[in-house]
Amino acid sequence: MQARLRFELLGIPVRIEIQNVDPVLISMIKASYSFPLLRTSNLPLPVNPPETDEVVASLVMDDTEEYSVAVSGRESTRVQERILAVRALNHELLHSIMLRANDFFYVHAGVVAFG
């Protein structure tokens, strides 16, 4: 089964192409991005407006029943389980969005020492 999803996250247009996967997986992906707060078009614009390039993601199951996940600007990855495919897609998509809309993200790095 195939599907195409289009939406906007933090002002970044996103397109997800899904090929050769079962309807349950498509439903899982749609559920991941159906929550209204994710579509944050009502947030104030960042100081540095994000790039307008569309983020393109793909999730494809091949003949070996492995899933290939690819997101523009990131290296593709392969996983063997359905839930891992959804996690990988979400992870790679988040990183791609963070690179484009970095005014919305604050990363605090801390060091913890033992002993």
PDB file of N, CA and C in Angstrom:
ATOM      1  N   MET A   1       0.845  -1.167   0.000  1.00  0.00           N
ATOM      2  CA  MET A   1       0.000   0.000   0.000  1.00  0.00           C
ATOM      3  C   MET A   1       0.899   1.242   0.000  1.00  0.00           C
ATOM      4  N   GLN A   2       0.418   2.313  -0.591  1.00  0.00           N
ATOM      5  CA  GLN A   2       1.172   3.550  -0.680  1.00  0.00           C
ATOM      6  C   GLN A   2       0.354   4.703  -0.112  1.00  0.00           C
ATOM      7  N   ALA A   3       1.075   5.728   0.364  1.00  0.00           N
ATOM      8  CA  ALA A   3       0.412   6.919   0.888  1.00  0.00           C
ATOM      9  C   ALA A   3       1.361   8.098   0.787  1.00  0.00           C
ATOM     10  N   ARG A   4       0.797   9.289   0.754  1.00  0.00           N
ATOM     11  CA  ARG A   4       1.579  10.526   0.781  1.00  0.00           C
ATOM     12  C   ARG A   4       0.937  11.447   1.806  1.00  0.00           C
ATOM     13  N   LEU A   5       1.743  11.916   2.737  1.00  0.00           N
ATOM     14  CA  LEU A   5       1.269  12.848   3.754  1.00  0.00           C
ATOM     15  C   LEU A   5       1.942  14.194   3.525  1.00  0.00           C
ATOM     16  N   ARG A   6       1.172  15.271   3.677  1.00  0.00           N
ATOM     17  CA  ARG A   6       1.711  16.633   3.585  1.00  0.00           C
ATOM     18  C   ARG A   6       1.184  17.426   4.768  1.00  0.00           C
ATOM     19  N   PHE A   7       2.082  18.127   5.431  1.00  0.00           N
ATOM     20  CA  PHE A   7       1.703  18.967   6.551  1.00  0.00           C
ATOM     21  C   PHE A   7       2.844  19.941   6.812  1.00  0.00           C
ATOM     22  N   GLU A   8       2.684  20.760   7.844  1.00  0.00           N
ATOM     23  CA  GLU A   8       3.692  21.753   8.184  1.00  0.00           C
ATOM     24  C   GLU A   8       4.058  21.601   9.647  1.00  0.00           C
ATOM     25  N   LEU A   9       5.350  21.577   9.932  1.00  0.00           N
ATOM     26  CA  LEU A   9       5.832  21.539  11.312  1.00  0.00           C
ATOM     27  C   LEU A   9       6.727  22.745  11.536  1.00  0.00           C
ATOM     28  N   LEU A  10       6.383  23.581  12.505  1.00  0.00           N
ATOM     29  CA  LEU A  10       7.164  24.769  12.838  1.00  0.00           C
ATOM     30  C   LEU A  10       7.463  25.627  11.618  1.00  0.00           C
ATOM     31  N   GLY A  11       6.489  25.733  10.747  1.00  0.00           N
ATOM     32  CA  GLY A  11       6.642  26.556   9.559  1.00  0.00           C
ATOM     33  C   GLY A  11       7.387  25.886   8.420  1.00  0.00           C
ATOM     34  N   ILE A  12       7.781  24.643   8.590  1.00  0.00           N
ATOM     35  CA  ILE A  12       8.521  23.904   7.563  1.00  0.00           C
ATOM     36  C   ILE A  12       7.555  22.957   6.867  1.00  0.00           C
ATOM     37  N   PRO A  13       7.407  23.073   5.540  1.00  0.00           N
ATOM     38  CA  PRO A  13       6.562  22.104   4.831  1.00  0.00           C
ATOM     39  C   PRO A  13       7.216  20.725   4.819  1.00  0.00           C
ATOM     40  N   VAL A  14       6.414  19.707   5.065  1.00  0.00           N
ATOM     41  CA  VAL A  14       6.898  18.327   5.143  1.00  0.00           C
ATOM     42  C   VAL A  14       6.070  17.448   4.219  1.00  0.00           C
ATOM     43  N   ARG A  15       6.741  16.564   3.504  1.00  0.00           N
ATOM     44  CA  ARG A  15       6.054  15.562   2.681  1.00  0.00           C
ATOM     45  C   ARG A  15       6.658  14.204   3.024  1.00  0.00           C
ATOM     46  N   ILE A  16       5.795  13.246   3.345  1.00  0.00           N
ATOM     47  CA  ILE A  16       6.244  11.880   3.631  1.00  0.00           C
ATOM     48  C   ILE A  16       5.670  10.957   2.572  1.00  0.00           C
ATOM     49  N   GLU A  17       6.548  10.245   1.886  1.00  0.00           N
ATOM     50  CA  GLU A  17       6.166   9.244   0.888  1.00  0.00           C
ATOM     51  C   GLU A  17       6.294   7.867   1.536  1.00  0.00           C
ATOM     52  N   ILE A  18       5.232   7.089   1.482  1.00  0.00           N
ATOM     53  CA  ILE A  18       5.221   5.756   2.089  1.00  0.00           C
ATOM     54  C   ILE A  18       4.902   4.748   0.994  1.00  0.00           C
ATOM     55  N   GLN A  19       5.753   3.715   0.859  1.00  0.00           N
ATOM     56  CA  GLN A  19       5.553   2.735  -0.209  1.00  0.00           C
ATOM     57  C   GLN A  19       5.739   1.315   0.317  1.00  0.00           C
ATOM     58  N   ASN A  20       4.919   0.427  -0.201  1.00  0.00           N
ATOM     59  CA  ASN A  20       5.019  -1.009   0.058  1.00  0.00           C
ATOM     60  C   ASN A  20       4.900  -1.371   1.533  1.00  0.00           C
ATOM     61  N   VAL A  21       4.059  -0.667   2.264  1.00  0.00           N
ATOM     62  CA  VAL A  21       3.866  -0.985   3.671  1.00  0.00           C
ATOM     63  C   VAL A  21       2.396  -1.261   3.942  1.00  0.00           C
ATOM     64  N   ASP A  22       2.140  -1.937   5.060  1.00  0.00           N
ATOM     65  CA  ASP A  22       0.765  -2.318   5.370  1.00  0.00           C
ATOM     66  C   ASP A  22      -0.019  -1.127   5.929  1.00  0.00           C
ATOM     67  N   PRO A  23      -1.342  -1.204   5.869  1.00  0.00           N
ATOM     68  CA  PRO A  23      -2.198  -0.103   6.328  1.00  0.00           C
ATOM     69  C   PRO A  23      -2.017   0.246   7.802  1.00  0.00           C
ATOM     70  N   VAL A  24      -1.645  -0.737   8.634  1.00  0.00           N
ATOM     71  CA  VAL A  24      -1.446  -0.469  10.061  1.00  0.00           C
ATOM     72  C   VAL A  24      -0.283   0.505  10.249  1.00  0.00           C
ATOM     73  N   LEU A  25       0.796   0.307   9.508  1.00  0.00           N
ATOM     74  CA  LEU A  25       1.948   1.192   9.613  1.00  0.00           C
ATOM     75  C   LEU A  25       1.594   2.597   9.131  1.00  0.00           C
ATOM     76  N   ILE A  26       0.845   2.680   8.062  1.00  0.00           N
ATOM     77  CA  ILE A  26       0.414   3.996   7.571  1.00  0.00           C
ATOM     78  C   ILE A  26      -0.431   4.691   8.631  1.00  0.00           C
ATOM     79  N   SER A  27      -1.308   3.971   9.291  1.00  0.00           N
ATOM     80  CA  SER A  27      -2.134   4.546  10.362  1.00  0.00           C
ATOM     81  C   SER A  27      -1.268   5.030  11.526  1.00  0.00           C
ATOM     82  N   MET A  28      -0.214   4.283  11.847  1.00  0.00           N
ATOM     83  CA  MET A  28       0.680   4.683  12.933  1.00  0.00           C
ATOM     84  C   MET A  28       1.384   5.996  12.595  1.00  0.00           C
ATOM     85  N   ILE A  29       1.814   6.125  11.362  1.00  0.00           N
ATOM     86  CA  ILE A  29       2.510   7.340  10.946  1.00  0.00           C
ATOM     87  C   ILE A  29       1.543   8.520  10.920  1.00  0.00           C
ATOM     88  N   LYS A  30       0.354   8.300  10.383  1.00  0.00           N
ATOM     89  CA  LYS A  30      -0.643   9.375  10.375  1.00  0.00           C
ATOM     90  C   LYS A  30      -0.974   9.824  11.793  1.00  0.00           C
ATOM     91  N   ALA A  31      -1.095   8.884  12.707  1.00  0.00           N
ATOM     92  CA  ALA A  31      -1.395   9.234  14.101  1.00  0.00           C
ATOM     93  C   ALA A  31      -0.265  10.045  14.721  1.00  0.00           C
ATOM     94  N   SER A  32       0.969   9.777  14.323  1.00  0.00           N
ATOM     95  CA  SER A  32       2.109  10.513  14.868  1.00  0.00           C
ATOM     96  C   SER A  32       2.053  11.995  14.532  1.00  0.00           C
ATOM     97  N   TYR A  33       1.450  12.323  13.407  1.00  0.00           N
ATOM     98  CA  TYR A  33       1.454  13.709  12.949  1.00  0.00           C
ATOM     99  C   TYR A  33       0.064  14.322  12.857  1.00  0.00           C
ATOM    100  N   SER A  34      -0.920  13.729  13.519  1.00  0.00           N
ATOM    101  CA  SER A  34      -2.279  14.273  13.460  1.00  0.00           C
ATOM    102  C   SER A  34      -2.586  15.174  14.645  1.00  0.00           C
ATOM    103  N   PHE A  35      -1.735  15.191  15.664  1.00  0.00           N
ATOM    104  CA  PHE A  35      -1.981  15.997  16.849  1.00  0.00           C
ATOM    105  C   PHE A  35      -1.905  17.472  16.482  1.00  0.00           C
ATOM    106  N   PRO A  36      -2.959  18.250  16.736  1.00  0.00           N
ATOM    107  CA  PRO A  36      -3.021  19.643  16.271  1.00  0.00           C
ATOM    108  C   PRO A  36      -1.867  20.524  16.737  1.00  0.00           C
ATOM    109  N   LEU A  37      -1.334  20.288  17.936  1.00  0.00           N
ATOM    110  CA  LEU A  37      -0.257  21.144  18.428  1.00  0.00           C
ATOM    111  C   LEU A  37       1.028  20.998  17.618  1.00  0.00           C
ATOM    112  N   LEU A  38       1.165  19.890  16.894  1.00  0.00           N
ATOM    113  CA  LEU A  38       2.354  19.730  16.054  1.00  0.00           C
ATOM    114  C   LEU A  38       2.324  20.691  14.883  1.00  0.00           C
ATOM    115  N   ARG A  39       1.156  21.053  14.461  1.00  0.00           N
ATOM    116  CA  ARG A  39       1.022  21.986  13.336  1.00  0.00           C
ATOM    117  C   ARG A  39       0.989  23.397  13.907  1.00  0.00           C
ATOM    118  N   THR A  40       2.146  23.913  14.137  1.00  0.00           N
ATOM    119  CA  THR A  40       2.284  25.131  14.933  1.00  0.00           C
ATOM    120  C   THR A  40       2.286  26.391  14.088  1.00  0.00           C
ATOM    121  N   SER A  41       1.364  26.521  13.165  1.00  0.00           N
ATOM    122  CA  SER A  41       1.323  27.711  12.325  1.00  0.00           C
ATOM    123  C   SER A  41       0.926  28.953  13.119  1.00  0.00           C
ATOM    124  N   ASN A  42       0.403  28.785  14.346  1.00  0.00           N
ATOM    125  CA  ASN A  42       0.009  29.934  15.155  1.00  0.00           C
ATOM    126  C   ASN A  42       1.145  30.447  16.038  1.00  0.00           C
ATOM    127  N   LEU A  43       2.317  29.804  16.016  1.00  0.00           N
ATOM    128  CA  LEU A  43       3.449  30.282  16.793  1.00  0.00           C
ATOM    129  C   LEU A  43       4.042  31.519  16.144  1.00  0.00           C
ATOM    130  N   PRO A  44       4.663  32.412  16.931  1.00  0.00           N
ATOM    131  CA  PRO A  44       5.322  33.565  16.318  1.00  0.00           C
ATOM    132  C   PRO A  44       6.485  33.105  15.448  1.00  0.00           C
ATOM    133  N   LEU A  45       6.762  33.859  14.405  1.00  0.00           N
ATOM    134  CA  LEU A  45       7.868  33.494  13.520  1.00  0.00           C
ATOM    135  C   LEU A  45       9.188  33.592  14.276  1.00  0.00           C
ATOM    136  N   PRO A  46      10.130  32.695  13.997  1.00  0.00           N
ATOM    137  CA  PRO A  46      11.431  32.759  14.659  1.00  0.00           C
ATOM    138  C   PRO A  46      12.208  33.994  14.196  1.00  0.00           C
ATOM    139  N   VAL A  47      13.213  34.367  14.970  1.00  0.00           N
ATOM    140  CA  VAL A  47      14.048  35.517  14.616  1.00  0.00           C
ATOM    141  C   VAL A  47      14.695  35.302  13.247  1.00  0.00           C
ATOM    142  N   ASN A  48      15.247  34.132  13.051  1.00  0.00           N
ATOM    143  CA  ASN A  48      15.808  33.756  11.750  1.00  0.00           C
ATOM    144  C   ASN A  48      14.807  32.827  11.086  1.00  0.00           C
ATOM    145  N   PRO A  49      14.025  33.293  10.128  1.00  0.00           N
ATOM    146  CA  PRO A  49      13.009  32.431   9.518  1.00  0.00           C
ATOM    147  C   PRO A  49      13.623  31.146   8.961  1.00  0.00           C
ATOM    148  N   PRO A  50      12.936  30.016   9.111  1.00  0.00           N
ATOM    149  CA  PRO A  50      13.474  28.753   8.603  1.00  0.00           C
ATOM    150  C   PRO A  50      13.533  28.756   7.081  1.00  0.00           C
ATOM    151  N   GLU A  51      14.380  27.876   6.569  1.00  0.00           N
ATOM    152  CA  GLU A  51      14.439  27.704   5.123  1.00  0.00           C
ATOM    153  C   GLU A  51      13.056  27.281   4.632  1.00  0.00           C
ATOM    154  N   THR A  52      12.737  27.642   3.432  1.00  0.00           N
ATOM    155  CA  THR A  52      11.420  27.281   2.913  1.00  0.00           C
ATOM    156  C   THR A  52      11.446  25.954   2.152  1.00  0.00           C
ATOM    157  N   ASP A  53      12.610  25.351   2.051  1.00  0.00           N
ATOM    158  CA  ASP A  53      12.695  24.068   1.358  1.00  0.00           C
ATOM    159  C   ASP A  53      11.851  23.027   2.078  1.00  0.00           C
ATOM    160  N   GLU A  54      11.135  22.264   1.296  1.00  0.00           N
ATOM    161  CA  GLU A  54      10.300  21.208   1.844  1.00  0.00           C
ATOM    162  C   GLU A  54      11.181  20.066   2.353  1.00  0.00           C
ATOM    163  N   VAL A  55      10.840  19.528   3.508  1.00  0.00           N
ATOM    164  CA  VAL A  55      11.498  18.336   4.011  1.00  0.00           C
ATOM    165  C   VAL A  55      10.791  17.145   3.388  1.00  0.00           C
ATOM    166  N   VAL A  56      11.540  16.322   2.702  1.00  0.00           N
ATOM    167  CA  VAL A  56      10.963  15.146   2.061  1.00  0.00           C
ATOM    168  C   VAL A  56      11.464  13.905   2.789  1.00  0.00           C
ATOM    169  N   ALA A  57      10.524  13.090   3.214  1.00  0.00           N
ATOM    170  CA  ALA A  57      10.861  11.851   3.912  1.00  0.00           C
ATOM    171  C   ALA A  57      10.244  10.684   3.159  1.00  0.00           C
ATOM    172  N   SER A  58      10.914   9.533   3.240  1.00  0.00           N
ATOM    173  CA  SER A  58      10.332   8.340   2.622  1.00  0.00           C
ATOM    174  C   SER A  58      10.515   7.150   3.540  1.00  0.00           C
ATOM    175  N   LEU A  59       9.536   6.281   3.488  1.00  0.00           N
ATOM    176  CA  LEU A  59       9.566   5.018   4.219  1.00  0.00           C
ATOM    177  C   LEU A  59       9.144   3.941   3.233  1.00  0.00           C
ATOM    178  N   VAL A  60      10.049   3.002   2.959  1.00  0.00           N
ATOM    179  CA  VAL A  60       9.797   1.980   1.948  1.00  0.00           C
ATOM    180  C   VAL A  60      10.156   0.623   2.523  1.00  0.00           C
ATOM    181  N   MET A  61       9.277  -0.360   2.324  1.00  0.00           N
ATOM    182  CA  MET A  61       9.617  -1.735   2.677  1.00  0.00           C
ATOM    183  C   MET A  61      10.079  -2.426   1.411  1.00  0.00           C
ATOM    184  N   ASP A  62      11.260  -3.035   1.459  1.00  0.00           N
ATOM    185  CA  ASP A  62      11.802  -3.684   0.267  1.00  0.00           C
ATOM    186  C   ASP A  62      11.462  -5.170   0.243  1.00  0.00           C
ATOM    187  N   ASP A  63      12.022  -5.886  -0.728  1.00  0.00           N
ATOM    188  CA  ASP A  63      11.733  -7.313  -0.911  1.00  0.00           C
ATOM    189  C   ASP A  63      12.207  -8.171   0.258  1.00  0.00           C
ATOM    190  N   THR A  64      13.190  -7.694   1.010  1.00  0.00           N
ATOM    191  CA  THR A  64      13.687  -8.462   2.157  1.00  0.00           C
ATOM    192  C   THR A  64      12.882  -8.169   3.418  1.00  0.00           C
ATOM    193  N   GLU A  65      11.817  -7.387   3.272  1.00  0.00           N
ATOM    194  CA  GLU A  65      10.944  -6.981   4.371  1.00  0.00           C
ATOM    195  C   GLU A  65      11.670  -6.138   5.407  1.00  0.00           C
ATOM    196  N   GLU A  66      12.690  -5.410   4.970  1.00  0.00           N
ATOM    197  CA  GLU A  66      13.325  -4.395   5.795  1.00  0.00           C
ATOM    198  C   GLU A  66      12.778  -3.044   5.377  1.00  0.00           C
ATOM    199  N   TYR A  67      12.791  -2.110   6.307  1.00  0.00           N
ATOM    200  CA  TYR A  67      12.285  -0.774   6.037  1.00  0.00           C
ATOM    201  C   TYR A  67      13.455   0.177   5.824  1.00  0.00           C
ATOM    202  N   SER A  68      13.355   0.963   4.795  1.00  0.00           N
ATOM    203  CA  SER A  68      14.333   2.002   4.516  1.00  0.00           C
ATOM    204  C   SER A  68      13.698   3.347   4.845  1.00  0.00           C
ATOM    205  N   VAL A  69      14.392   4.131   5.665  1.00  0.00           N
ATOM    206  CA  VAL A  69      13.907   5.450   6.066  1.00  0.00           C
ATOM    207  C   VAL A  69      14.900   6.483   5.564  1.00  0.00           C
ATOM    208  N   ALA A  70      14.416   7.451   4.817  1.00  0.00           N
ATOM    209  CA  ALA A  70      15.270   8.520   4.299  1.00  0.00           C
ATOM    210  C   ALA A  70      14.577   9.856   4.497  1.00  0.00           C
ATOM    211  N   VAL A  71      15.335  10.843   4.966  1.00  0.00           N
ATOM    212  CA  VAL A  71      14.827  12.197   5.169  1.00  0.00           C
ATOM    213  C   VAL A  71      15.846  13.155   4.586  1.00  0.00           C
ATOM    214  N   SER A  72      15.366  14.144   3.833  1.00  0.00           N
ATOM    215  CA  SER A  72      16.280  15.081   3.177  1.00  0.00           C
ATOM    216  C   SER A  72      17.214  15.723   4.194  1.00  0.00           C
ATOM    217  N   GLY A  73      18.489  15.766   3.828  1.00  0.00           N
ATOM    218  CA  GLY A  73      19.502  16.342   4.696  1.00  0.00           C
ATOM    219  C   GLY A  73      20.069  15.377   5.711  1.00  0.00           C
ATOM    220  N   ARG A  74      19.620  14.139   5.707  1.00  0.00           N
ATOM    221  CA  ARG A  74      20.078  13.128   6.671  1.00  0.00           C
ATOM    222  C   ARG A  74      20.449  11.857   5.913  1.00  0.00           C
ATOM    223  N   GLU A  75      21.322  11.041   6.517  1.00  0.00           N
ATOM    224  CA  GLU A  75      21.658   9.758   5.897  1.00  0.00           C
ATOM    225  C   GLU A  75      20.487   8.797   6.069  1.00  0.00           C
ATOM    226  N   SER A  76      20.281   7.945   5.072  1.00  0.00           N
ATOM    227  CA  SER A  76      19.188   6.975   5.183  1.00  0.00           C
ATOM    228  C   SER A  76      19.582   5.867   6.155  1.00  0.00           C
ATOM    229  N   THR A  77      18.570   5.212   6.685  1.00  0.00           N
ATOM    230  CA  THR A  77      18.799   4.132   7.632  1.00  0.00           C
ATOM    231  C   THR A  77      17.869   2.968   7.309  1.00  0.00           C
ATOM    232  N   ARG A  78      18.229   1.768   7.761  1.00  0.00           N
ATOM    233  CA  ARG A  78      17.413   0.579   7.523  1.00  0.00           C
ATOM    234  C   ARG A  78      17.126  -0.097   8.858  1.00  0.00           C
ATOM    235  N   VAL A  79      15.883  -0.540   9.015  1.00  0.00           N
ATOM    236  CA  VAL A  79      15.471  -1.249  10.225  1.00  0.00           C
ATOM    237  C   VAL A  79      14.618  -2.444   9.828  1.00  0.00           C
ATOM    238  N   GLN A  80      14.467  -3.376  10.760  1.00  0.00           N
ATOM    239  CA  GLN A  80      13.760  -4.617  10.424  1.00  0.00           C
ATOM    240  C   GLN A  80      12.343  -4.691  10.976  1.00  0.00           C
ATOM    241  N   GLU A  81      12.008  -3.886  11.956  1.00  0.00           N
ATOM    242  CA  GLU A  81      10.695  -3.988  12.578  1.00  0.00           C
ATOM    243  C   GLU A  81       9.852  -2.749  12.293  1.00  0.00           C
ATOM    244  N   ARG A  82       8.550  -2.948  12.253  1.00  0.00           N
ATOM    245  CA  ARG A  82       7.612  -1.879  11.934  1.00  0.00           C
ATOM    246  C   ARG A  82       7.703  -0.719  12.924  1.00  0.00           C
ATOM    247  N   ILE A  83       7.697  -1.012  14.214  1.00  0.00           N
ATOM    248  CA  ILE A  83       7.739   0.064  15.206  1.00  0.00           C
ATOM    249  C   ILE A  83       9.063   0.820  15.132  1.00  0.00           C
ATOM    250  N   LEU A  84      10.139   0.117  14.824  1.00  0.00           N
ATOM    251  CA  LEU A  84      11.431   0.784  14.672  1.00  0.00           C
ATOM    252  C   LEU A  84      11.447   1.690  13.442  1.00  0.00           C
ATOM    253  N   ALA A  85      10.688   1.322  12.432  1.00  0.00           N
ATOM    254  CA  ALA A  85      10.587   2.167  11.238  1.00  0.00           C
ATOM    255  C   ALA A  85       9.911   3.488  11.573  1.00  0.00           C
ATOM    256  N   VAL A  86       8.849   3.435  12.378  1.00  0.00           N
ATOM    257  CA  VAL A  86       8.152   4.661  12.785  1.00  0.00           C
ATOM    258  C   VAL A  86       9.068   5.506  13.659  1.00  0.00           C
ATOM    259  N   ARG A  87       9.771   4.869  14.583  1.00  0.00           N
ATOM    260  CA  ARG A  87      10.701   5.605  15.446  1.00  0.00           C
ATOM    261  C   ARG A  87      11.811   6.255  14.628  1.00  0.00           C
ATOM    262  N   ALA A  88      12.379   5.509  13.686  1.00  0.00           N
ATOM    263  CA  ALA A  88      13.460   6.055  12.857  1.00  0.00           C
ATOM    264  C   ALA A  88      12.959   7.232  12.021  1.00  0.00           C
ATOM    265  N   LEU A  89      11.767   7.098  11.455  1.00  0.00           N
ATOM    266  CA  LEU A  89      11.200   8.187  10.659  1.00  0.00           C
ATOM    267  C   LEU A  89      11.007   9.430  11.528  1.00  0.00           C
ATOM    268  N   ASN A  90      10.421   9.273  12.707  1.00  0.00           N
ATOM    269  CA  ASN A  90      10.196  10.399  13.605  1.00  0.00           C
ATOM    270  C   ASN A  90      11.518  11.042  14.023  1.00  0.00           C
ATOM    271  N   HIS A  91      12.502  10.224  14.348  1.00  0.00           N
ATOM    272  CA  HIS A  91      13.811  10.720  14.776  1.00  0.00           C
ATOM    273  C   HIS A  91      14.487  11.530  13.670  1.00  0.00           C
ATOM    274  N   GLU A  92      14.546  10.964  12.477  1.00  0.00           N
ATOM    275  CA  GLU A  92      15.215  11.643  11.367  1.00  0.00           C
ATOM    276  C   GLU A  92      14.462  12.906  10.952  1.00  0.00           C
ATOM    277  N   LEU A  93      13.138  12.840  10.985  1.00  0.00           N
ATOM    278  CA  LEU A  93      12.333  14.009  10.639  1.00  0.00           C
ATOM    279  C   LEU A  93      12.549  15.137  11.660  1.00  0.00           C
ATOM    280  N   LEU A  94      12.583  14.794  12.939  1.00  0.00           N
ATOM    281  CA  LEU A  94      12.819  15.796  13.976  1.00  0.00           C
ATOM    282  C   LEU A  94      14.173  16.479  13.771  1.00  0.00           C
ATOM    283  N   HIS A  95      15.208  15.707  13.488  1.00  0.00           N
ATOM    284  CA  HIS A  95      16.531  16.292  13.277  1.00  0.00           C
ATOM    285  C   HIS A  95      16.544  17.210  12.059  1.00  0.00           C
ATOM    286  N   SER A  96      15.882  16.821  11.016  1.00  0.00           N
ATOM    287  CA  SER A  96      15.820  17.654   9.820  1.00  0.00           C
ATOM    288  C   SER A  96      15.078  18.958  10.104  1.00  0.00           C
ATOM    289  N   ILE A  97      13.989  18.884  10.864  1.00  0.00           N
ATOM    290  CA  ILE A  97      13.232  20.075  11.246  1.00  0.00           C
ATOM    291  C   ILE A  97      14.079  20.969  12.147  1.00  0.00           C
ATOM    292  N   MET A  98      14.820  20.369  13.088  1.00  0.00           N
ATOM    293  CA  MET A  98      15.658  21.146  13.996  1.00  0.00           C
ATOM    294  C   MET A  98      16.721  21.940  13.241  1.00  0.00           C
ATOM    295  N   LEU A  99      17.254  21.375  12.177  1.00  0.00           N
ATOM    296  CA  LEU A  99      18.262  22.084  11.390  1.00  0.00           C
ATOM    297  C   LEU A  99      17.667  23.286  10.664  1.00  0.00           C
ATOM    298  N   ARG A 100      16.394  23.193  10.321  1.00  0.00           N
ATOM    299  CA  ARG A 100      15.754  24.254   9.548  1.00  0.00           C
ATOM    300  C   ARG A 100      15.067  25.305  10.415  1.00  0.00           C
ATOM    301  N   ALA A 101      14.615  24.927  11.589  1.00  0.00           N
ATOM    302  CA  ALA A 101      13.880  25.854  12.465  1.00  0.00           C
ATOM    303  C   ALA A 101      14.554  25.896  13.831  1.00  0.00           C
ATOM    304  N   ASN A 102      15.840  26.171  13.845  1.00  0.00           N
ATOM    305  CA  ASN A 102      16.597  26.058  15.090  1.00  0.00           C
ATOM    306  C   ASN A 102      16.243  27.118  16.130  1.00  0.00           C
ATOM    307  N   ASP A 103      15.542  28.173  15.781  1.00  0.00           N
ATOM    308  CA  ASP A 103      15.117  29.146  16.789  1.00  0.00           C
ATOM    309  C   ASP A 103      14.060  28.578  17.735  1.00  0.00           C
ATOM    310  N   PHE A 104      13.427  27.486  17.373  1.00  0.00           N
ATOM    311  CA  PHE A 104      12.409  26.874  18.211  1.00  0.00           C
ATOM    312  C   PHE A 104      12.986  25.860  19.198  1.00  0.00           C
ATOM    313  N   PHE A 105      14.279  25.539  19.072  1.00  0.00           N
ATOM    314  CA  PHE A 105      14.864  24.472  19.881  1.00  0.00           C
ATOM    315  C   PHE A 105      15.982  25.015  20.749  1.00  0.00           C
ATOM    316  N   TYR A 106      16.011  24.577  21.986  1.00  0.00           N
ATOM    317  CA  TYR A 106      17.096  24.902  22.905  1.00  0.00           C
ATOM    318  C   TYR A 106      17.672  23.591  23.380  1.00  0.00           C
ATOM    319  N   VAL A 107      18.933  23.419  23.181  1.00  0.00           N
ATOM    320  CA  VAL A 107      19.588  22.182  23.601  1.00  0.00           C
ATOM    321  C   VAL A 107      20.563  22.528  24.706  1.00  0.00           C
ATOM    322  N   HIS A 108      20.391  21.901  25.830  1.00  0.00           N
ATOM    323  CA  HIS A 108      21.297  22.111  26.964  1.00  0.00           C
ATOM    324  C   HIS A 108      22.116  20.849  27.134  1.00  0.00           C
ATOM    325  N   ALA A 109      23.408  20.998  27.057  1.00  0.00           N
ATOM    326  CA  ALA A 109      24.294  19.855  27.217  1.00  0.00           C
ATOM    327  C   ALA A 109      24.950  19.949  28.599  1.00  0.00           C
ATOM    328  N   GLY A 110      24.871  18.884  29.341  1.00  0.00           N
ATOM    329  CA  GLY A 110      25.487  18.853  30.661  1.00  0.00           C
ATOM    330  C   GLY A 110      26.421  17.664  30.766  1.00  0.00           C
ATOM    331  N   VAL A 111      27.344  17.757  31.676  1.00  0.00           N
ATOM    332  CA  VAL A 111      28.291  16.663  31.895  1.00  0.00           C
ATOM    333  C   VAL A 111      28.076  16.148  33.305  1.00  0.00           C
ATOM    334  N   VAL A 112      27.998  14.837  33.422  1.00  0.00           N
ATOM    335  CA  VAL A 112      27.839  14.207  34.717  1.00  0.00           C
ATOM    336  C   VAL A 112      29.066  13.347  34.956  1.00  0.00           C
ATOM    337  N   ALA A 113      29.685  13.522  36.108  1.00  0.00           N
ATOM    338  CA  ALA A 113      30.875  12.737  36.447  1.00  0.00           C
ATOM    339  C   ALA A 113      30.568  11.865  37.666  1.00  0.00           C
ATOM    340  N   PHE A 114      31.065  10.673  37.650  1.00  0.00           N
ATOM    341  CA  PHE A 114      30.931   9.770  38.771  1.00  0.00           C
ATOM    342  C   PHE A 114      32.269   9.684  39.502  1.00  0.00           C
ATOM    343  N   GLY A 115      32.197   9.603  40.819  1.00  0.00           N
ATOM    344  CA  GLY A 115      33.421   9.346  41.569  1.00  0.00           C
ATOM    345  C   GLY A 115      33.927  10.531  42.185  1.00  0.00           C
TER     346      GLY A 115
END
